[in-house]
Amino acid sequence: MADSEPIKESYKIIERSSLPGRKYHRDERKPTFDINYNGKIKELVFPHTYYEKMEFYSNVELEVRKGYFGFDILENKTLN
């Protein structure tokens, strides 16, 4: 029901923060990155393996395609 070709776009990271890990793994913090996506601030959460180097990333590259009702479907996200 989605478009066949995803569109790749790069977004600048506005703010960085983190979330605690799950129960008994609180030290495995998950980095979160805020981006300006089509005029709205969106928060993206990445796995805890990216936490140590979260200050080095400046952009998030998203692969997005249009869904059936016009909603955006996030296919893939990578940090640059």
PDB file of N, CA and C in Angstrom:
ATOM      1  N   MET A   1       0.804  -1.193   0.000  1.00  0.00           N
ATOM      2  CA  MET A   1       0.000   0.000   0.000  1.00  0.00           C
ATOM      3  C   MET A   1       0.857   1.271   0.000  1.00  0.00           C
ATOM      4  N   ALA A   2       2.162   1.126   0.123  1.00  0.00           N
ATOM      5  CA  ALA A   2       3.044   2.285   0.128  1.00  0.00           C
ATOM      6  C   ALA A   2       3.667   2.468  -1.250  1.00  0.00           C
ATOM      7  N   ASP A   3       4.234   3.666  -1.486  1.00  0.00           N
ATOM      8  CA  ASP A   3       4.957   3.910  -2.729  1.00  0.00           C
ATOM      9  C   ASP A   3       6.106   2.926  -2.843  1.00  0.00           C
ATOM     10  N   SER A   4       6.506   2.623  -4.082  1.00  0.00           N
ATOM     11  CA  SER A   4       7.547   1.622  -4.274  1.00  0.00           C
ATOM     12  C   SER A   4       8.943   2.163  -4.000  1.00  0.00           C
ATOM     13  N   GLU A   5       9.196   3.449  -4.245  1.00  0.00           N
ATOM     14  CA  GLU A   5      10.534   4.007  -4.073  1.00  0.00           C
ATOM     15  C   GLU A   5      10.635   4.853  -2.806  1.00  0.00           C
ATOM     16  N   PRO A   6      11.525   4.478  -1.896  1.00  0.00           N
ATOM     17  CA  PRO A   6      11.733   5.338  -0.719  1.00  0.00           C
ATOM     18  C   PRO A   6      12.563   6.565  -1.099  1.00  0.00           C
ATOM     19  N   ILE A   7      12.346   7.648  -0.390  1.00  0.00           N
ATOM     20  CA  ILE A   7      13.071   8.893  -0.601  1.00  0.00           C
ATOM     21  C   ILE A   7      14.075   9.055   0.527  1.00  0.00           C
ATOM     22  N   LYS A   8      15.344   9.304   0.182  1.00  0.00           N
ATOM     23  CA  LYS A   8      16.382   9.522   1.187  1.00  0.00           C
ATOM     24  C   LYS A   8      16.522  11.012   1.438  1.00  0.00           C
ATOM     25  N   GLU A   9      16.446  11.393   2.713  1.00  0.00           N
ATOM     26  CA  GLU A   9      16.624  12.786   3.096  1.00  0.00           C
ATOM     27  C   GLU A   9      17.497  12.846   4.334  1.00  0.00           C
ATOM     28  N   SER A  10      18.269  13.918   4.443  1.00  0.00           N
ATOM     29  CA  SER A  10      19.155  14.104   5.575  1.00  0.00           C
ATOM     30  C   SER A  10      18.634  15.255   6.432  1.00  0.00           C
ATOM     31  N   TYR A  11      18.639  15.067   7.757  1.00  0.00           N
ATOM     32  CA  TYR A  11      18.140  16.072   8.690  1.00  0.00           C
ATOM     33  C   TYR A  11      19.203  16.374   9.732  1.00  0.00           C
ATOM     34  N   LYS A  12      19.350  17.644  10.059  1.00  0.00           N
ATOM     35  CA  LYS A  12      20.324  18.066  11.057  1.00  0.00           C
ATOM     36  C   LYS A  12      19.792  17.756  12.455  1.00  0.00           C
ATOM     37  N   ILE A  13      20.681  17.274  13.323  1.00  0.00           N
ATOM     38  CA  ILE A  13      20.304  16.968  14.706  1.00  0.00           C
ATOM     39  C   ILE A  13      20.227  18.275  15.480  1.00  0.00           C
ATOM     40  N   ILE A  14      19.086  18.524  16.116  1.00  0.00           N
ATOM     41  CA  ILE A  14      18.867  19.746  16.883  1.00  0.00           C
ATOM     42  C   ILE A  14      19.292  19.567  18.329  1.00  0.00           C
ATOM     43  N   GLU A  15      18.925  18.428  18.921  1.00  0.00           N
ATOM     44  CA  GLU A  15      19.209  18.187  20.329  1.00  0.00           C
ATOM     45  C   GLU A  15      19.481  16.706  20.563  1.00  0.00           C
ATOM     46  N   ARG A  16      20.317  16.426  21.557  1.00  0.00           N
ATOM     47  CA  ARG A  16      20.653  15.050  21.940  1.00  0.00           C
ATOM     48  C   ARG A  16      20.263  14.812  23.389  1.00  0.00           C
ATOM     49  N   SER A  17      19.802  13.605  23.667  1.00  0.00           N
ATOM     50  CA  SER A  17      19.528  13.192  25.045  1.00  0.00           C
ATOM     51  C   SER A  17      19.587  11.665  25.069  1.00  0.00           C
ATOM     52  N   SER A  18      19.183  11.060  26.179  1.00  0.00           N
ATOM     53  CA  SER A  18      19.204   9.598  26.250  1.00  0.00           C
ATOM     54  C   SER A  18      18.111   9.097  27.180  1.00  0.00           C
ATOM     55  N   LEU A  19      17.780   7.833  26.996  1.00  0.00           N
ATOM     56  CA  LEU A  19      16.794   7.146  27.827  1.00  0.00           C
ATOM     57  C   LEU A  19      17.485   6.014  28.569  1.00  0.00           C
ATOM     58  N   PRO A  20      17.038   5.702  29.782  1.00  0.00           N
ATOM     59  CA  PRO A  20      17.647   4.558  30.479  1.00  0.00           C
ATOM     60  C   PRO A  20      17.269   3.249  29.806  1.00  0.00           C
ATOM     61  N   GLY A  21      18.087   2.236  30.023  1.00  0.00           N
ATOM     62  CA  GLY A  21      17.827   0.920  29.460  1.00  0.00           C
ATOM     63  C   GLY A  21      16.689   0.217  30.177  1.00  0.00           C
ATOM     64  N   ARG A  22      16.410  -1.005  29.754  1.00  0.00           N
ATOM     65  CA  ARG A  22      15.316  -1.769  30.357  1.00  0.00           C
ATOM     66  C   ARG A  22      15.709  -2.246  31.756  1.00  0.00           C
ATOM     67  N   LYS A  23      14.803  -2.905  32.410  1.00  0.00           N
ATOM     68  CA  LYS A  23      15.011  -3.397  33.769  1.00  0.00           C
ATOM     69  C   LYS A  23      16.262  -4.271  33.839  1.00  0.00           C
ATOM     70  N   TYR A  24      17.075  -4.061  34.837  1.00  0.00           N
ATOM     71  CA  TYR A  24      18.340  -4.765  35.089  1.00  0.00           C
ATOM     72  C   TYR A  24      19.437  -4.392  34.086  1.00  0.00           C
ATOM     73  N   HIS A  25      19.142  -3.480  33.178  1.00  0.00           N
ATOM     74  CA  HIS A  25      20.125  -3.008  32.196  1.00  0.00           C
ATOM     75  C   HIS A  25      20.061  -1.487  32.098  1.00  0.00           C
ATOM     76  N   ARG A  26      19.876  -0.830  33.232  1.00  0.00           N
ATOM     77  CA  ARG A  26      19.707   0.620  33.255  1.00  0.00           C
ATOM     78  C   ARG A  26      20.929   1.361  32.732  1.00  0.00           C
ATOM     79  N   ASP A  27      22.099   0.753  32.833  1.00  0.00           N
ATOM     80  CA  ASP A  27      23.313   1.425  32.369  1.00  0.00           C
ATOM     81  C   ASP A  27      23.439   1.413  30.843  1.00  0.00           C
ATOM     82  N   GLU A  28      22.635   0.638  30.150  1.00  0.00           N
ATOM     83  CA  GLU A  28      22.642   0.620  28.684  1.00  0.00           C
ATOM     84  C   GLU A  28      21.717   1.720  28.174  1.00  0.00           C
ATOM     85  N   ARG A  29      22.175   2.955  28.218  1.00  0.00           N
ATOM     86  CA  ARG A  29      21.359   4.096  27.832  1.00  0.00           C
ATOM     87  C   ARG A  29      21.190   4.159  26.317  1.00  0.00           C
ATOM     88  N   LYS A  30      19.965   4.508  25.888  1.00  0.00           N
ATOM     89  CA  LYS A  30      19.651   4.626  24.468  1.00  0.00           C
ATOM     90  C   LYS A  30      19.711   6.106  24.080  1.00  0.00           C
ATOM     91  N   PRO A  31      20.520   6.459  23.083  1.00  0.00           N
ATOM     92  CA  PRO A  31      20.572   7.857  22.668  1.00  0.00           C
ATOM     93  C   PRO A  31      19.319   8.258  21.887  1.00  0.00           C
ATOM     94  N   THR A  32      18.873   9.486  22.104  1.00  0.00           N
ATOM     95  CA  THR A  32      17.758  10.037  21.352  1.00  0.00           C
ATOM     96  C   THR A  32      18.225  11.310  20.658  1.00  0.00           C
ATOM     97  N   PHE A  33      17.719  11.527  19.462  1.00  0.00           N
ATOM     98  CA  PHE A  33      18.090  12.690  18.669  1.00  0.00           C
ATOM     99  C   PHE A  33      16.821  13.385  18.193  1.00  0.00           C
ATOM    100  N   ASP A  34      16.754  14.693  18.400  1.00  0.00           N
ATOM    101  CA  ASP A  34      15.629  15.489  17.927  1.00  0.00           C
ATOM    102  C   ASP A  34      15.985  16.104  16.583  1.00  0.00           C
ATOM    103  N   ILE A  35      15.051  16.007  15.623  1.00  0.00           N
ATOM    104  CA  ILE A  35      15.240  16.599  14.296  1.00  0.00           C
ATOM    105  C   ILE A  35      14.002  17.420  13.949  1.00  0.00           C
ATOM    106  N   ASN A  36      14.157  18.337  13.013  1.00  0.00           N
ATOM    107  CA  ASN A  36      13.035  19.111  12.491  1.00  0.00           C
ATOM    108  C   ASN A  36      12.540  18.393  11.242  1.00  0.00           C
ATOM    109  N   TYR A  37      11.435  17.672  11.366  1.00  0.00           N
ATOM    110  CA  TYR A  37      10.881  16.893  10.265  1.00  0.00           C
ATOM    111  C   TYR A  37       9.609  17.573   9.770  1.00  0.00           C
ATOM    112  N   ASN A  38       9.684  18.186   8.608  1.00  0.00           N
ATOM    113  CA  ASN A  38       8.539  18.882   7.996  1.00  0.00           C
ATOM    114  C   ASN A  38       7.894  19.891   8.945  1.00  0.00           C
ATOM    115  N   GLY A  39       8.724  20.665   9.637  1.00  0.00           N
ATOM    116  CA  GLY A  39       8.221  21.714  10.519  1.00  0.00           C
ATOM    117  C   GLY A  39       7.855  21.264  11.917  1.00  0.00           C
ATOM    118  N   LYS A  40       8.033  19.998  12.236  1.00  0.00           N
ATOM    119  CA  LYS A  40       7.717  19.476  13.574  1.00  0.00           C
ATOM    120  C   LYS A  40       8.961  18.832  14.161  1.00  0.00           C
ATOM    121  N   ILE A  41       9.124  18.954  15.470  1.00  0.00           N
ATOM    122  CA  ILE A  41      10.253  18.334  16.161  1.00  0.00           C
ATOM    123  C   ILE A  41       9.905  16.873  16.426  1.00  0.00           C
ATOM    124  N   LYS A  42      10.744  15.969  15.914  1.00  0.00           N
ATOM    125  CA  LYS A  42      10.548  14.528  16.104  1.00  0.00           C
ATOM    126  C   LYS A  42      11.744  13.953  16.841  1.00  0.00           C
ATOM    127  N   GLU A  43      11.485  13.007  17.736  1.00  0.00           N
ATOM    128  CA  GLU A  43      12.538  12.359  18.515  1.00  0.00           C
ATOM    129  C   GLU A  43      12.751  10.951  17.994  1.00  0.00           C
ATOM    130  N   LEU A  44      13.986  10.641  17.618  1.00  0.00           N
ATOM    131  CA  LEU A  44      14.340   9.311  17.132  1.00  0.00           C
ATOM    132  C   LEU A  44      15.190   8.610  18.181  1.00  0.00           C
ATOM    133  N   VAL A  45      14.875   7.374  18.485  1.00  0.00           N
ATOM    134  CA  VAL A  45      15.596   6.591  19.483  1.00  0.00           C
ATOM    135  C   VAL A  45      16.431   5.538  18.772  1.00  0.00           C
ATOM    136  N   PHE A  46      17.708   5.449  19.151  1.00  0.00           N
ATOM    137  CA  PHE A  46      18.633   4.486  18.552  1.00  0.00           C
ATOM    138  C   PHE A  46      19.073   3.469  19.613  1.00  0.00           C
ATOM    139  N   PRO A  47      19.633   2.333  19.211  1.00  0.00           N
ATOM    140  CA  PRO A  47      20.105   1.314  20.158  1.00  0.00           C
ATOM    141  C   PRO A  47      21.251   1.835  21.037  1.00  0.00           C
ATOM    142  N   HIS A  48      21.461   1.186  22.168  1.00  0.00           N
ATOM    143  CA  HIS A  48      22.456   1.623  23.148  1.00  0.00           C
ATOM    144  C   HIS A  48      23.881   1.583  22.615  1.00  0.00           C
ATOM    145  N   THR A  49      24.129   0.862  21.532  1.00  0.00           N
ATOM    146  CA  THR A  49      25.481   0.787  20.975  1.00  0.00           C
ATOM    147  C   THR A  49      25.950   2.128  20.404  1.00  0.00           C
ATOM    148  N   TYR A  50      25.030   3.036  20.106  1.00  0.00           N
ATOM    149  CA  TYR A  50      25.373   4.356  19.581  1.00  0.00           C
ATOM    150  C   TYR A  50      25.618   5.385  20.685  1.00  0.00           C
ATOM    151  N   TYR A  51      25.412   5.033  21.935  1.00  0.00           N
ATOM    152  CA  TYR A  51      25.469   6.004  23.027  1.00  0.00           C
ATOM    153  C   TYR A  51      26.862   6.604  23.216  1.00  0.00           C
ATOM    154  N   GLU A  52      27.899   5.809  23.147  1.00  0.00           N
ATOM    155  CA  GLU A  52      29.260   6.280  23.410  1.00  0.00           C
ATOM    156  C   GLU A  52      29.697   7.371  22.430  1.00  0.00           C
ATOM    157  N   LYS A  53      29.266   7.280  21.181  1.00  0.00           N
ATOM    158  CA  LYS A  53      29.692   8.229  20.154  1.00  0.00           C
ATOM    159  C   LYS A  53      28.585   9.199  19.755  1.00  0.00           C
ATOM    160  N   MET A  54      27.588   9.394  20.588  1.00  0.00           N
ATOM    161  CA  MET A  54      26.443  10.206  20.193  1.00  0.00           C
ATOM    162  C   MET A  54      26.792  11.670  19.933  1.00  0.00           C
ATOM    163  N   GLU A  55      27.861  12.184  20.515  1.00  0.00           N
ATOM    164  CA  GLU A  55      28.257  13.574  20.302  1.00  0.00           C
ATOM    165  C   GLU A  55      28.928  13.791  18.949  1.00  0.00           C
ATOM    166  N   PHE A  56      29.393  12.749  18.321  1.00  0.00           N
ATOM    167  CA  PHE A  56      30.089  12.868  17.035  1.00  0.00           C
ATOM    168  C   PHE A  56      29.131  12.958  15.845  1.00  0.00           C
ATOM    169  N   TYR A  57      27.884  12.543  16.024  1.00  0.00           N
ATOM    170  CA  TYR A  57      26.928  12.542  14.917  1.00  0.00           C
ATOM    171  C   TYR A  57      26.309  13.931  14.754  1.00  0.00           C
ATOM    172  N   SER A  58      26.142  14.354  13.499  1.00  0.00           N
ATOM    173  CA  SER A  58      25.561  15.670  13.248  1.00  0.00           C
ATOM    174  C   SER A  58      24.289  15.609  12.396  1.00  0.00           C
ATOM    175  N   ASN A  59      24.090  14.506  11.661  1.00  0.00           N
ATOM    176  CA  ASN A  59      22.920  14.361  10.790  1.00  0.00           C
ATOM    177  C   ASN A  59      22.300  12.983  10.939  1.00  0.00           C
ATOM    178  N   VAL A  60      21.012  12.918  10.626  1.00  0.00           N
ATOM    179  CA  VAL A  60      20.290  11.648  10.554  1.00  0.00           C
ATOM    180  C   VAL A  60      19.768  11.519   9.131  1.00  0.00           C
ATOM    181  N   GLU A  61      20.053  10.398   8.494  1.00  0.00           N
ATOM    182  CA  GLU A  61      19.553  10.146   7.147  1.00  0.00           C
ATOM    183  C   GLU A  61      18.380   9.180   7.243  1.00  0.00           C
ATOM    184  N   LEU A  62      17.238   9.591   6.687  1.00  0.00           N
ATOM    185  CA  LEU A  62      16.024   8.783   6.749  1.00  0.00           C
ATOM    186  C   LEU A  62      15.625   8.332   5.359  1.00  0.00           C
ATOM    187  N   GLU A  63      15.136   7.109   5.268  1.00  0.00           N
ATOM    188  CA  GLU A  63      14.487   6.608   4.058  1.00  0.00           C
ATOM    189  C   GLU A  63      12.999   6.564   4.362  1.00  0.00           C
ATOM    190  N   VAL A  64      12.254   7.381   3.628  1.00  0.00           N
ATOM    191  CA  VAL A  64      10.821   7.541   3.896  1.00  0.00           C
ATOM    192  C   VAL A  64      10.046   7.272   2.620  1.00  0.00           C
ATOM    193  N   ARG A  65       8.898   6.642   2.788  1.00  0.00           N
ATOM    194  CA  ARG A  65       7.978   6.483   1.663  1.00  0.00           C
ATOM    195  C   ARG A  65       6.574   6.854   2.119  1.00  0.00           C
ATOM    196  N   LYS A  66       5.751   7.244   1.174  1.00  0.00           N
ATOM    197  CA  LYS A  66       4.382   7.634   1.479  1.00  0.00           C
ATOM    198  C   LYS A  66       3.520   6.403   1.674  1.00  0.00           C
ATOM    199  N   GLY A  67       2.706   6.436   2.729  1.00  0.00           N
ATOM    200  CA  GLY A  67       1.799   5.341   3.012  1.00  0.00           C
ATOM    201  C   GLY A  67       0.461   5.512   2.312  1.00  0.00           C
ATOM    202  N   TYR A  68      -0.442   4.618   2.587  1.00  0.00           N
ATOM    203  CA  TYR A  68      -1.735   4.564   1.907  1.00  0.00           C
ATOM    204  C   TYR A  68      -2.579   5.809   2.160  1.00  0.00           C
ATOM    205  N   PHE A  69      -2.642   6.293   3.390  1.00  0.00           N
ATOM    206  CA  PHE A  69      -3.460   7.451   3.735  1.00  0.00           C
ATOM    207  C   PHE A  69      -2.657   8.746   3.736  1.00  0.00           C
ATOM    208  N   GLY A  70      -1.468   8.752   3.118  1.00  0.00           N
ATOM    209  CA  GLY A  70      -0.660   9.955   3.058  1.00  0.00           C
ATOM    210  C   GLY A  70       0.310  10.112   4.208  1.00  0.00           C
ATOM    211  N   PHE A  71       0.344   9.155   5.121  1.00  0.00           N
ATOM    212  CA  PHE A  71       1.288   9.195   6.223  1.00  0.00           C
ATOM    213  C   PHE A  71       2.670   8.765   5.728  1.00  0.00           C
ATOM    214  N   ASP A  72       3.705   9.286   6.365  1.00  0.00           N
ATOM    215  CA  ASP A  72       5.066   8.898   6.026  1.00  0.00           C
ATOM    216  C   ASP A  72       5.434   7.612   6.767  1.00  0.00           C
ATOM    217  N   ILE A  73       6.050   6.678   6.044  1.00  0.00           N
ATOM    218  CA  ILE A  73       6.507   5.420   6.636  1.00  0.00           C
ATOM    219  C   ILE A  73       8.021   5.462   6.678  1.00  0.00           C
ATOM    220  N   LEU A  74       8.578   5.327   7.867  1.00  0.00           N
ATOM    221  CA  LEU A  74      10.023   5.347   8.058  1.00  0.00           C
ATOM    222  C   LEU A  74      10.585   3.956   7.771  1.00  0.00           C
ATOM    223  N   GLU A  75      11.370   3.842   6.716  1.00  0.00           N
ATOM    224  CA  GLU A  75      11.934   2.565   6.300  1.00  0.00           C
ATOM    225  C   GLU A  75      13.254   2.271   6.984  1.00  0.00           C
ATOM    226  N   ASN A  76      14.128   3.293   7.054  1.00  0.00           N
ATOM    227  CA  ASN A  76      15.470   3.087   7.571  1.00  0.00           C
ATOM    228  C   ASN A  76      15.987   4.399   8.129  1.00  0.00           C
ATOM    229  N   LYS A  77      16.830   4.338   9.147  1.00  0.00           N
ATOM    230  CA  LYS A  77      17.441   5.542   9.710  1.00  0.00           C
ATOM    231  C   LYS A  77      18.908   5.248  10.012  1.00  0.00           C
ATOM    232  N   THR A  78      19.781   6.180   9.618  1.00  0.00           N
ATOM    233  CA  THR A  78      21.205   6.023   9.868  1.00  0.00           C
ATOM    234  C   THR A  78      21.774   7.340  10.379  1.00  0.00           C
ATOM    235  N   LEU A  79      22.802   7.234  11.186  1.00  0.00           N
ATOM    236  CA  LEU A  79      23.468   8.420  11.736  1.00  0.00           C
ATOM    237  C   LEU A  79      24.703   8.738  10.915  1.00  0.00           C
ATOM    238  N   ASN A  80      24.927  10.017  10.687  1.00  0.00           N
ATOM    239  CA  ASN A  80      26.115  10.480   9.973  1.00  0.00           C
ATOM    240  C   ASN A  80      26.824  11.534  10.807  1.00  0.00           C
TER     241      ASN A  80
END
